[in-house]
Amino acid sequence: MKKALLNTTTNLILTGVGGQGNVMASRTLAGMLVDAGYVVTIGETFGMSQRGGSVMSHLRISPDSVLSPQIRRGGADVIVALEPLEALRVLTVYGNPTVCVLSNLRPVYPIGVITGSLSYPSDDVILKAFQRLSKSFWMIDATSVALALGNPVLSNIVMIGALAKTGLLPIDRRLFEKEIKKTLSLDKCAVNLEAYDAGGEMLK
């Protein structure tokens, strides 16, 4: 799919739970967009991230301006979620009729669900909510790819590869490779590129 060219501000929320690599993904994505010539402001909120609590990064992507770091309620253009219930939580607060959602399919169950004191919505409930509350959405099992590559945290990179394939943002493999080479060793770059490519393949 052809990359978008952003002439106005695009508000993206990247969400997940502690331990999924949400912050690393948001920083990587921001770096890619800066390299593409955009001004990116990041705002982050953390729940009890060490215990699997919610983690949310707000990315405000502008062609020319530094913006306030927080996206207003109902103001998201794109939601990328590493966990489906987190996608639903963010969508109900920051979504609007034109929002696009990309979500990992694999749940991370909160302690309350594991102990039986809380229930987790079914796949059908989440799917119907996405259909009702978003303009368009994609759901992929990024975790299965990451596990096949030997590290479940790589699901965050799978999601970036899938996001690039949607064409919603002006990002591509070249920008991703340039960004990860700034901080990762060659062997880690190689497996991250595999994860990125796999994410793109899942949207074909």
N, C-alpha and C. Protein backbone atom coordinates (compact mmCIF):
# COMPACT_ATOMS: atom_id res chain seq x y z
N MET A 1 0.84 -1.20 0.00
CA MET A 1 0.00 0.00 0.00
C MET A 1 0.88 1.25 0.00
N LYS A 2 0.48 2.26 -0.74
CA LYS A 2 1.25 3.50 -0.82
C LYS A 2 1.28 4.22 0.52
N LYS A 3 2.45 4.78 0.86
CA LYS A 3 2.59 5.50 2.12
C LYS A 3 1.79 6.80 2.10
N ALA A 4 1.25 7.14 3.28
CA ALA A 4 0.56 8.41 3.44
C ALA A 4 1.56 9.55 3.47
N LEU A 5 1.15 10.73 3.02
CA LEU A 5 1.91 11.95 3.23
C LEU A 5 1.07 12.82 4.14
N LEU A 6 1.62 13.19 5.29
CA LEU A 6 0.84 13.88 6.30
C LEU A 6 0.96 15.39 6.15
N ASN A 7 -0.13 16.02 5.79
CA ASN A 7 -0.15 17.48 5.65
C ASN A 7 -0.70 18.17 6.89
N THR A 8 -1.37 17.42 7.73
CA THR A 8 -1.89 17.95 8.99
C THR A 8 -1.46 17.01 10.11
N THR A 9 -1.73 17.40 11.33
CA THR A 9 -1.35 16.59 12.49
C THR A 9 -2.08 15.26 12.49
N THR A 10 -1.34 14.19 12.77
CA THR A 10 -1.92 12.86 12.95
C THR A 10 -1.66 12.42 14.38
N ASN A 11 -2.71 12.01 15.06
CA ASN A 11 -2.61 11.59 16.46
C ASN A 11 -2.68 10.07 16.55
N LEU A 12 -1.61 9.47 17.05
CA LEU A 12 -1.54 8.01 17.16
C LEU A 12 -1.33 7.62 18.61
N ILE A 13 -2.06 6.60 19.04
CA ILE A 13 -1.85 6.04 20.38
C ILE A 13 -1.37 4.61 20.23
N LEU A 14 -0.25 4.31 20.88
CA LEU A 14 0.29 2.95 20.90
C LEU A 14 0.13 2.43 22.32
N THR A 15 -0.61 1.34 22.48
CA THR A 15 -0.95 0.88 23.81
C THR A 15 -0.67 -0.61 23.98
N GLY A 16 -0.46 -1.01 25.22
CA GLY A 16 -0.23 -2.41 25.55
C GLY A 16 -0.17 -2.54 27.06
N VAL A 17 0.45 -3.62 27.53
CA VAL A 17 0.63 -3.80 28.96
C VAL A 17 2.12 -3.90 29.25
N GLY A 18 2.47 -3.74 30.52
CA GLY A 18 3.86 -3.76 30.91
C GLY A 18 4.55 -5.05 30.48
N GLY A 19 5.76 -4.89 29.91
CA GLY A 19 6.53 -6.04 29.47
C GLY A 19 6.38 -6.37 27.99
N GLN A 20 5.51 -5.66 27.28
CA GLN A 20 5.32 -5.94 25.86
C GLN A 20 6.20 -5.09 24.94
N GLY A 21 6.97 -4.20 25.51
CA GLY A 21 7.84 -3.37 24.68
C GLY A 21 7.16 -2.17 24.07
N ASN A 22 6.13 -1.67 24.74
CA ASN A 22 5.36 -0.53 24.24
C ASN A 22 6.24 0.71 24.07
N VAL A 23 7.04 1.02 25.09
CA VAL A 23 7.85 2.24 25.05
C VAL A 23 8.90 2.15 23.95
N MET A 24 9.55 0.99 23.83
CA MET A 24 10.54 0.81 22.77
C MET A 24 9.90 0.99 21.40
N ALA A 25 8.70 0.43 21.21
CA ALA A 25 8.01 0.56 19.93
C ALA A 25 7.68 2.02 19.62
N SER A 26 7.21 2.75 20.63
CA SER A 26 6.84 4.15 20.39
C SER A 26 8.06 4.99 20.06
N ARG A 27 9.18 4.72 20.73
CA ARG A 27 10.41 5.48 20.44
C ARG A 27 10.94 5.14 19.05
N THR A 28 10.85 3.87 18.67
CA THR A 28 11.30 3.47 17.34
C THR A 28 10.44 4.13 16.27
N LEU A 29 9.14 4.09 16.46
CA LEU A 29 8.22 4.69 15.51
C LEU A 29 8.44 6.19 15.40
N ALA A 30 8.63 6.84 16.54
CA ALA A 30 8.90 8.28 16.53
C ALA A 30 10.19 8.60 15.78
N GLY A 31 11.23 7.80 16.01
CA GLY A 31 12.49 8.01 15.31
C GLY A 31 12.35 7.87 13.81
N MET A 32 11.58 6.89 13.38
CA MET A 32 11.33 6.70 11.95
C MET A 32 10.64 7.92 11.34
N LEU A 33 9.66 8.44 12.06
CA LEU A 33 8.91 9.58 11.55
C LEU A 33 9.75 10.86 11.53
N VAL A 34 10.62 11.02 12.52
CA VAL A 34 11.53 12.16 12.52
C VAL A 34 12.48 12.08 11.32
N ASP A 35 12.99 10.88 11.07
CA ASP A 35 13.86 10.69 9.91
C ASP A 35 13.13 10.95 8.60
N ALA A 36 11.80 10.76 8.62
CA ALA A 36 11.00 11.03 7.42
C ALA A 36 10.68 12.52 7.26
N GLY A 37 11.09 13.34 8.25
CA GLY A 37 10.93 14.78 8.14
C GLY A 37 9.80 15.38 8.95
N TYR A 38 9.22 14.61 9.86
CA TYR A 38 8.11 15.10 10.67
C TYR A 38 8.56 15.48 12.08
N VAL A 39 7.75 16.29 12.72
CA VAL A 39 7.98 16.67 14.12
C VAL A 39 7.07 15.79 14.97
N VAL A 40 7.67 15.05 15.92
CA VAL A 40 6.90 14.11 16.72
C VAL A 40 7.01 14.48 18.20
N THR A 41 5.86 14.62 18.84
CA THR A 41 5.81 14.86 20.29
C THR A 41 5.24 13.61 20.94
N ILE A 42 5.95 13.10 21.97
CA ILE A 42 5.51 11.88 22.64
C ILE A 42 5.07 12.19 24.06
N GLY A 43 3.93 11.66 24.44
CA GLY A 43 3.46 11.69 25.83
C GLY A 43 3.17 10.27 26.26
N GLU A 44 3.61 9.89 27.44
CA GLU A 44 3.44 8.50 27.88
C GLU A 44 2.75 8.43 29.23
N THR A 45 1.89 7.44 29.39
CA THR A 45 1.24 7.19 30.67
C THR A 45 1.47 5.73 31.03
N PHE A 46 1.71 5.49 32.30
CA PHE A 46 2.00 4.14 32.77
C PHE A 46 1.06 3.78 33.90
N GLY A 47 0.47 2.59 33.81
CA GLY A 47 -0.23 2.02 34.95
C GLY A 47 0.79 1.27 35.78
N MET A 48 0.36 0.17 36.38
CA MET A 48 1.30 -0.64 37.15
C MET A 48 2.06 -1.54 36.17
N SER A 49 2.95 -0.90 35.39
CA SER A 49 3.56 -1.58 34.25
C SER A 49 4.41 -2.77 34.66
N GLN A 50 4.96 -2.75 35.86
CA GLN A 50 5.76 -3.87 36.30
C GLN A 50 4.89 -5.10 36.58
N ARG A 51 3.58 -4.91 36.73
CA ARG A 51 2.67 -6.01 37.02
C ARG A 51 1.69 -6.25 35.88
N GLY A 52 2.08 -5.86 34.71
CA GLY A 52 1.20 -6.07 33.57
C GLY A 52 0.13 -5.03 33.42
N GLY A 53 0.32 -3.85 34.01
CA GLY A 53 -0.66 -2.78 33.90
C GLY A 53 -0.59 -2.09 32.55
N SER A 54 -1.53 -1.22 32.31
CA SER A 54 -1.63 -0.52 31.04
C SER A 54 -0.45 0.44 30.82
N VAL A 55 0.01 0.46 29.58
CA VAL A 55 1.04 1.41 29.15
C VAL A 55 0.53 2.05 27.86
N MET A 56 0.59 3.36 27.79
CA MET A 56 0.04 4.05 26.63
C MET A 56 0.95 5.19 26.22
N SER A 57 1.29 5.24 24.93
CA SER A 57 2.10 6.32 24.38
C SER A 57 1.28 7.12 23.38
N HIS A 58 1.28 8.43 23.56
CA HIS A 58 0.63 9.33 22.62
C HIS A 58 1.70 9.89 21.68
N LEU A 59 1.52 9.71 20.39
CA LEU A 59 2.42 10.30 19.40
C LEU A 59 1.65 11.30 18.57
N ARG A 60 2.08 12.54 18.62
CA ARG A 60 1.45 13.60 17.83
C ARG A 60 2.42 13.96 16.72
N ILE A 61 2.03 13.66 15.49
CA ILE A 61 2.91 13.73 14.33
C ILE A 61 2.50 14.92 13.48
N SER A 62 3.40 15.88 13.36
CA SER A 62 3.09 17.12 12.65
C SER A 62 4.10 17.36 11.54
N PRO A 63 3.68 17.97 10.43
CA PRO A 63 4.64 18.31 9.39
C PRO A 63 5.58 19.43 9.79
N ASP A 64 5.21 20.23 10.83
CA ASP A 64 6.05 21.40 11.10
C ASP A 64 6.01 21.96 12.53
N SER A 65 5.24 21.38 13.46
CA SER A 65 5.05 22.03 14.75
C SER A 65 5.25 21.08 15.93
N VAL A 66 5.81 21.63 17.02
CA VAL A 66 5.84 20.90 18.29
C VAL A 66 4.49 21.11 18.97
N LEU A 67 3.87 20.03 19.40
CA LEU A 67 2.52 20.09 19.95
C LEU A 67 2.51 19.65 21.40
N SER A 68 1.41 19.89 22.09
CA SER A 68 1.27 19.37 23.44
C SER A 68 1.29 17.84 23.38
N PRO A 69 1.83 17.18 24.42
CA PRO A 69 2.07 15.74 24.32
C PRO A 69 0.84 14.85 24.49
N GLN A 70 -0.26 15.39 24.95
CA GLN A 70 -1.43 14.55 25.20
C GLN A 70 -2.51 14.74 24.14
N ILE A 71 -3.04 13.64 23.67
CA ILE A 71 -4.15 13.66 22.71
C ILE A 71 -5.46 13.82 23.49
N ARG A 72 -6.32 14.66 23.03
CA ARG A 72 -7.59 14.87 23.72
C ARG A 72 -8.50 13.66 23.58
N ARG A 73 -9.46 13.54 24.46
CA ARG A 73 -10.45 12.47 24.38
C ARG A 73 -11.17 12.54 23.03
N GLY A 74 -11.31 11.43 22.37
CA GLY A 74 -11.95 11.40 21.06
C GLY A 74 -11.07 11.89 19.94
N GLY A 75 -9.78 12.11 20.21
CA GLY A 75 -8.92 12.76 19.22
C GLY A 75 -7.92 11.87 18.51
N ALA A 76 -7.99 10.55 18.67
CA ALA A 76 -7.02 9.67 18.01
C ALA A 76 -7.40 9.45 16.55
N ASP A 77 -6.38 9.45 15.70
CA ASP A 77 -6.57 9.08 14.29
C ASP A 77 -6.22 7.61 14.06
N VAL A 78 -5.22 7.13 14.80
CA VAL A 78 -4.75 5.75 14.67
C VAL A 78 -4.51 5.19 16.06
N ILE A 79 -4.95 3.96 16.30
CA ILE A 79 -4.65 3.24 17.54
C ILE A 79 -3.94 1.95 17.17
N VAL A 80 -2.76 1.76 17.76
CA VAL A 80 -2.00 0.52 17.57
C VAL A 80 -1.90 -0.14 18.94
N ALA A 81 -2.40 -1.37 19.04
CA ALA A 81 -2.47 -2.04 20.34
C ALA A 81 -1.73 -3.37 20.31
N LEU A 82 -0.89 -3.57 21.32
CA LEU A 82 -0.17 -4.83 21.47
C LEU A 82 -1.01 -5.88 22.19
N GLU A 83 -2.20 -5.47 22.65
CA GLU A 83 -3.09 -6.37 23.40
C GLU A 83 -4.53 -5.93 23.12
N PRO A 84 -5.44 -6.86 22.81
CA PRO A 84 -6.77 -6.47 22.33
C PRO A 84 -7.65 -5.73 23.33
N LEU A 85 -7.61 -6.10 24.62
CA LEU A 85 -8.44 -5.38 25.58
C LEU A 85 -7.94 -3.95 25.75
N GLU A 86 -6.63 -3.76 25.67
CA GLU A 86 -6.09 -2.40 25.74
C GLU A 86 -6.54 -1.58 24.52
N ALA A 87 -6.64 -2.23 23.38
CA ALA A 87 -7.17 -1.55 22.19
C ALA A 87 -8.59 -1.06 22.45
N LEU A 88 -9.39 -1.92 23.04
CA LEU A 88 -10.78 -1.57 23.31
C LEU A 88 -10.88 -0.44 24.33
N ARG A 89 -10.05 -0.50 25.36
CA ARG A 89 -10.06 0.56 26.38
C ARG A 89 -9.72 1.92 25.78
N VAL A 90 -8.68 1.94 24.96
CA VAL A 90 -8.27 3.20 24.34
C VAL A 90 -9.32 3.68 23.34
N LEU A 91 -9.87 2.75 22.59
CA LEU A 91 -10.86 3.10 21.57
C LEU A 91 -12.09 3.76 22.19
N THR A 92 -12.53 3.28 23.33
CA THR A 92 -13.74 3.84 23.95
C THR A 92 -13.51 5.25 24.50
N VAL A 93 -12.26 5.61 24.76
CA VAL A 93 -11.96 6.94 25.29
C VAL A 93 -11.48 7.90 24.20
N TYR A 94 -10.59 7.42 23.33
CA TYR A 94 -9.93 8.30 22.37
C TYR A 94 -10.42 8.11 20.93
N GLY A 95 -11.30 7.14 20.72
CA GLY A 95 -11.78 6.87 19.38
C GLY A 95 -12.81 7.86 18.89
N ASN A 96 -13.13 7.76 17.61
CA ASN A 96 -14.13 8.59 16.95
C ASN A 96 -14.52 7.86 15.67
N PRO A 97 -15.51 8.33 14.94
CA PRO A 97 -15.97 7.58 13.75
C PRO A 97 -14.93 7.42 12.65
N THR A 98 -13.83 8.18 12.67
CA THR A 98 -12.84 8.07 11.60
C THR A 98 -11.55 7.38 12.04
N VAL A 99 -11.49 6.87 13.26
CA VAL A 99 -10.25 6.27 13.77
C VAL A 99 -10.00 4.92 13.09
N CYS A 100 -8.72 4.60 12.90
CA CYS A 100 -8.30 3.31 12.37
C CYS A 100 -7.56 2.55 13.48
N VAL A 101 -7.80 1.25 13.59
CA VAL A 101 -7.25 0.45 14.67
C VAL A 101 -6.48 -0.74 14.11
N LEU A 102 -5.28 -0.94 14.64
CA LEU A 102 -4.48 -2.13 14.36
C LEU A 102 -4.19 -2.80 15.70
N SER A 103 -4.64 -4.04 15.87
CA SER A 103 -4.49 -4.70 17.17
C SER A 103 -3.91 -6.09 17.04
N ASN A 104 -3.06 -6.42 18.00
CA ASN A 104 -2.62 -7.80 18.18
C ASN A 104 -3.81 -8.62 18.67
N LEU A 105 -3.92 -9.85 18.22
CA LEU A 105 -5.03 -10.72 18.62
C LEU A 105 -4.83 -11.36 19.99
N ARG A 106 -3.58 -11.57 20.38
CA ARG A 106 -3.29 -12.41 21.55
C ARG A 106 -3.49 -11.65 22.86
N PRO A 107 -4.37 -12.13 23.74
CA PRO A 107 -4.60 -11.43 25.01
C PRO A 107 -3.49 -11.67 26.02
N VAL A 108 -3.35 -10.69 26.91
CA VAL A 108 -2.52 -10.86 28.12
C VAL A 108 -3.49 -10.70 29.28
N TYR A 109 -3.80 -11.78 29.97
CA TYR A 109 -4.85 -11.75 30.97
C TYR A 109 -4.40 -11.06 32.25
N PRO A 110 -5.19 -10.09 32.74
CA PRO A 110 -4.89 -9.45 34.02
C PRO A 110 -4.99 -10.46 35.17
N ILE A 111 -4.38 -10.11 36.29
CA ILE A 111 -4.40 -10.99 37.45
C ILE A 111 -5.84 -11.35 37.85
N GLY A 112 -6.74 -10.39 37.78
CA GLY A 112 -8.12 -10.64 38.17
C GLY A 112 -8.78 -11.69 37.31
N VAL A 113 -8.43 -11.74 36.03
CA VAL A 113 -8.98 -12.76 35.14
C VAL A 113 -8.39 -14.13 35.48
N ILE A 114 -7.08 -14.13 35.73
CA ILE A 114 -6.40 -15.39 36.07
C ILE A 114 -6.96 -15.99 37.35
N THR A 115 -7.27 -15.15 38.33
CA THR A 115 -7.79 -15.65 39.61
C THR A 115 -9.29 -15.91 39.58
N GLY A 116 -9.95 -15.46 38.52
CA GLY A 116 -11.36 -15.73 38.38
C GLY A 116 -12.28 -14.65 38.92
N SER A 117 -11.71 -13.55 39.41
CA SER A 117 -12.55 -12.49 39.96
C SER A 117 -13.07 -11.53 38.90
N LEU A 118 -12.45 -11.55 37.71
CA LEU A 118 -12.88 -10.70 36.60
C LEU A 118 -13.03 -11.57 35.36
N SER A 119 -13.78 -11.07 34.41
CA SER A 119 -13.94 -11.78 33.13
C SER A 119 -13.26 -10.98 32.03
N TYR A 120 -12.84 -11.69 31.00
CA TYR A 120 -12.20 -11.06 29.84
C TYR A 120 -13.17 -11.16 28.67
N PRO A 121 -13.38 -10.07 27.92
CA PRO A 121 -14.34 -10.13 26.81
C PRO A 121 -13.94 -11.14 25.76
N SER A 122 -14.92 -11.76 25.14
CA SER A 122 -14.64 -12.75 24.11
C SER A 122 -14.12 -12.08 22.85
N ASP A 123 -13.51 -12.88 21.97
CA ASP A 123 -13.04 -12.36 20.69
C ASP A 123 -14.18 -11.72 19.91
N ASP A 124 -15.36 -12.32 20.00
CA ASP A 124 -16.51 -11.81 19.26
C ASP A 124 -16.96 -10.44 19.77
N VAL A 125 -16.92 -10.27 21.09
CA VAL A 125 -17.28 -8.98 21.68
C VAL A 125 -16.30 -7.89 21.23
N ILE A 126 -15.02 -8.21 21.26
CA ILE A 126 -14.00 -7.24 20.84
C ILE A 126 -14.13 -6.92 19.36
N LEU A 127 -14.33 -7.94 18.54
CA LEU A 127 -14.48 -7.74 17.10
C LEU A 127 -15.67 -6.84 16.80
N LYS A 128 -16.80 -7.09 17.43
CA LYS A 128 -18.00 -6.28 17.18
C LYS A 128 -17.80 -4.84 17.65
N ALA A 129 -17.04 -4.66 18.73
CA ALA A 129 -16.75 -3.31 19.20
C ALA A 129 -15.89 -2.56 18.20
N PHE A 130 -14.90 -3.23 17.64
CA PHE A 130 -14.06 -2.60 16.61
C PHE A 130 -14.89 -2.23 15.40
N GLN A 131 -15.79 -3.11 15.00
CA GLN A 131 -16.65 -2.84 13.85
C GLN A 131 -17.54 -1.62 14.11
N ARG A 132 -18.02 -1.50 15.32
CA ARG A 132 -18.96 -0.43 15.67
C ARG A 132 -18.26 0.91 15.89
N LEU A 133 -17.04 0.87 16.43
CA LEU A 133 -16.41 2.10 16.93
C LEU A 133 -15.28 2.65 16.06
N SER A 134 -14.92 1.96 14.99
CA SER A 134 -13.82 2.45 14.16
C SER A 134 -14.21 2.52 12.69
N LYS A 135 -13.46 3.31 11.95
CA LYS A 135 -13.67 3.41 10.51
C LYS A 135 -13.17 2.15 9.82
N SER A 136 -11.98 1.68 10.24
CA SER A 136 -11.42 0.45 9.71
C SER A 136 -10.49 -0.14 10.76
N PHE A 137 -10.29 -1.45 10.69
CA PHE A 137 -9.43 -2.09 11.68
C PHE A 137 -8.79 -3.35 11.10
N TRP A 138 -7.66 -3.71 11.70
CA TRP A 138 -6.94 -4.93 11.34
C TRP A 138 -6.58 -5.64 12.65
N MET A 139 -6.70 -6.96 12.65
CA MET A 139 -6.30 -7.75 13.81
C MET A 139 -5.36 -8.86 13.34
N ILE A 140 -4.19 -8.95 13.95
CA ILE A 140 -3.20 -9.95 13.55
C ILE A 140 -2.65 -10.64 14.79
N ASP A 141 -2.22 -11.87 14.63
CA ASP A 141 -1.61 -12.60 15.75
C ASP A 141 -0.10 -12.35 15.74
N ALA A 142 0.28 -11.15 16.15
CA ALA A 142 1.69 -10.77 16.16
C ALA A 142 2.49 -11.62 17.13
N THR A 143 1.86 -12.04 18.22
CA THR A 143 2.57 -12.82 19.23
C THR A 143 3.06 -14.15 18.69
N SER A 144 2.26 -14.80 17.84
CA SER A 144 2.67 -16.09 17.29
C SER A 144 3.94 -15.95 16.46
N VAL A 145 4.04 -14.88 15.69
CA VAL A 145 5.24 -14.63 14.89
C VAL A 145 6.44 -14.38 15.80
N ALA A 146 6.21 -13.56 16.83
CA ALA A 146 7.30 -13.24 17.75
C ALA A 146 7.81 -14.49 18.46
N LEU A 147 6.90 -15.35 18.87
CA LEU A 147 7.30 -16.60 19.52
C LEU A 147 8.11 -17.48 18.58
N ALA A 148 7.72 -17.52 17.32
CA ALA A 148 8.45 -18.31 16.33
C ALA A 148 9.87 -17.76 16.13
N LEU A 149 10.03 -16.47 16.35
CA LEU A 149 11.35 -15.85 16.22
C LEU A 149 12.15 -15.92 17.52
N GLY A 150 11.53 -16.45 18.57
CA GLY A 150 12.26 -16.71 19.80
C GLY A 150 12.10 -15.70 20.92
N ASN A 151 11.26 -14.67 20.70
CA ASN A 151 11.11 -13.65 21.73
C ASN A 151 9.74 -13.01 21.61
N PRO A 152 8.84 -13.24 22.59
CA PRO A 152 7.48 -12.69 22.48
C PRO A 152 7.43 -11.17 22.40
N VAL A 153 8.44 -10.49 22.94
CA VAL A 153 8.45 -9.02 22.90
C VAL A 153 8.57 -8.50 21.47
N LEU A 154 9.07 -9.33 20.57
CA LEU A 154 9.17 -8.90 19.17
C LEU A 154 7.81 -8.65 18.53
N SER A 155 6.74 -8.98 19.24
CA SER A 155 5.42 -8.65 18.70
C SER A 155 5.27 -7.15 18.48
N ASN A 156 6.00 -6.34 19.26
CA ASN A 156 5.92 -4.89 19.05
C ASN A 156 6.48 -4.50 17.68
N ILE A 157 7.52 -5.18 17.24
CA ILE A 157 8.11 -4.89 15.93
C ILE A 157 7.24 -5.45 14.82
N VAL A 158 6.65 -6.61 15.04
CA VAL A 158 5.70 -7.16 14.07
C VAL A 158 4.58 -6.14 13.82
N MET A 159 4.12 -5.50 14.89
CA MET A 159 3.05 -4.52 14.76
C MET A 159 3.51 -3.29 13.97
N ILE A 160 4.76 -2.88 14.14
CA ILE A 160 5.27 -1.74 13.36
C ILE A 160 5.32 -2.09 11.88
N GLY A 161 5.76 -3.32 11.58
CA GLY A 161 5.77 -3.76 10.18
C GLY A 161 4.38 -3.79 9.58
N ALA A 162 3.42 -4.25 10.36
CA ALA A 162 2.03 -4.27 9.89
C ALA A 162 1.49 -2.86 9.71
N LEU A 163 1.82 -1.97 10.65
CA LEU A 163 1.38 -0.58 10.56
C LEU A 163 1.90 0.06 9.28
N ALA A 164 3.16 -0.19 8.96
CA ALA A 164 3.72 0.36 7.72
C ALA A 164 2.93 -0.12 6.51
N LYS A 165 2.50 -1.37 6.54
CA LYS A 165 1.78 -1.95 5.40
C LYS A 165 0.39 -1.33 5.24
N THR A 166 -0.21 -0.83 6.31
CA THR A 166 -1.53 -0.22 6.18
C THR A 166 -1.50 1.04 5.33
N GLY A 167 -0.35 1.69 5.25
CA GLY A 167 -0.24 2.94 4.50
C GLY A 167 -0.75 4.16 5.26
N LEU A 168 -1.06 4.00 6.54
CA LEU A 168 -1.60 5.11 7.33
C LEU A 168 -0.54 6.16 7.66
N LEU A 169 0.73 5.73 7.72
CA LEU A 169 1.81 6.63 8.06
C LEU A 169 2.92 6.55 7.01
N PRO A 170 3.71 7.63 6.88
CA PRO A 170 4.79 7.65 5.89
C PRO A 170 6.03 6.94 6.41
N ILE A 171 5.94 5.63 6.67
CA ILE A 171 7.06 4.85 7.18
C ILE A 171 7.27 3.64 6.28
N ASP A 172 8.52 3.16 6.26
CA ASP A 172 8.84 1.99 5.45
C ASP A 172 10.03 1.25 6.05
N ARG A 173 10.42 0.16 5.40
CA ARG A 173 11.49 -0.70 5.91
C ARG A 173 12.82 0.04 6.01
N ARG A 174 13.10 0.89 5.03
CA ARG A 174 14.36 1.62 5.05
C ARG A 174 14.47 2.49 6.30
N LEU A 175 13.40 3.18 6.64
CA LEU A 175 13.40 4.01 7.85
C LEU A 175 13.53 3.17 9.11
N PHE A 176 12.87 2.00 9.12
CA PHE A 176 12.97 1.11 10.28
C PHE A 176 14.40 0.62 10.46
N GLU A 177 15.00 0.16 9.38
CA GLU A 177 16.37 -0.36 9.47
C GLU A 177 17.34 0.73 9.93
N LYS A 178 17.17 1.93 9.40
CA LYS A 178 18.02 3.05 9.80
C LYS A 178 17.89 3.33 11.30
N GLU A 179 16.67 3.26 11.80
CA GLU A 179 16.43 3.57 13.21
C GLU A 179 17.02 2.52 14.14
N ILE A 180 16.81 1.25 13.86
CA ILE A 180 17.29 0.22 14.79
C ILE A 180 18.80 0.08 14.76
N LYS A 181 19.42 0.45 13.64
CA LYS A 181 20.88 0.38 13.57
C LYS A 181 21.55 1.38 14.50
N LYS A 182 20.79 2.36 14.96
CA LYS A 182 21.36 3.36 15.88
C LYS A 182 21.66 2.76 17.25
N THR A 183 20.92 1.70 17.64
CA THR A 183 21.03 1.20 19.01
C THR A 183 21.25 -0.30 19.13
N LEU A 184 21.00 -1.08 18.09
CA LEU A 184 21.06 -2.53 18.20
C LEU A 184 22.28 -3.12 17.50
N SER A 185 22.72 -4.26 18.01
CA SER A 185 23.82 -5.00 17.38
C SER A 185 23.32 -5.62 16.08
N LEU A 186 24.25 -6.10 15.25
CA LEU A 186 23.88 -6.64 13.94
C LEU A 186 22.94 -7.84 14.06
N ASP A 187 23.22 -8.72 15.02
CA ASP A 187 22.35 -9.90 15.14
C ASP A 187 20.95 -9.52 15.59
N LYS A 188 20.84 -8.54 16.49
CA LYS A 188 19.52 -8.09 16.92
C LYS A 188 18.81 -7.33 15.81
N CYS A 189 19.56 -6.60 15.01
CA CYS A 189 18.95 -5.93 13.86
C CYS A 189 18.34 -6.95 12.91
N ALA A 190 19.03 -8.05 12.70
CA ALA A 190 18.56 -9.07 11.76
C ALA A 190 17.22 -9.66 12.19
N VAL A 191 17.09 -10.02 13.47
CA VAL A 191 15.84 -10.63 13.92
C VAL A 191 14.72 -9.59 13.98
N ASN A 192 15.05 -8.34 14.27
CA ASN A 192 14.05 -7.28 14.25
C ASN A 192 13.54 -7.03 12.84
N LEU A 193 14.42 -7.11 11.86
CA LEU A 193 13.99 -6.95 10.47
C LEU A 193 13.09 -8.12 10.04
N GLU A 194 13.39 -9.32 10.53
CA GLU A 194 12.52 -10.47 10.26
C GLU A 194 11.12 -10.22 10.83
N ALA A 195 11.09 -9.70 12.05
CA ALA A 195 9.80 -9.42 12.69
C ALA A 195 9.03 -8.35 11.92
N TYR A 196 9.73 -7.31 11.52
CA TYR A 196 9.12 -6.21 10.75
C TYR A 196 8.54 -6.75 9.44
N ASP A 197 9.31 -7.54 8.72
CA ASP A 197 8.85 -8.08 7.44
C ASP A 197 7.66 -9.01 7.63
N ALA A 198 7.69 -9.80 8.69
CA ALA A 198 6.59 -10.72 8.97
C ALA A 198 5.29 -9.95 9.23
N GLY A 199 5.40 -8.83 9.92
CA GLY A 199 4.22 -8.01 10.17
C GLY A 199 3.60 -7.49 8.90
N GLY A 200 4.44 -7.05 7.97
CA GLY A 200 3.93 -6.59 6.68
C GLY A 200 3.25 -7.71 5.91
N GLU A 201 3.82 -8.91 5.99
CA GLU A 201 3.24 -10.04 5.27
C GLU A 201 1.85 -10.40 5.81
N MET A 202 1.62 -10.15 7.08
CA MET A 202 0.34 -10.51 7.68
C MET A 202 -0.81 -9.63 7.20
N LEU A 203 -0.49 -8.51 6.57
CA LEU A 203 -1.54 -7.64 6.06
C LEU A 203 -1.78 -7.78 4.57
N LYS A 204 -1.11 -8.73 3.93
CA LYS A 204 -1.32 -8.91 2.49
C LYS A 204 -2.69 -9.49 2.21
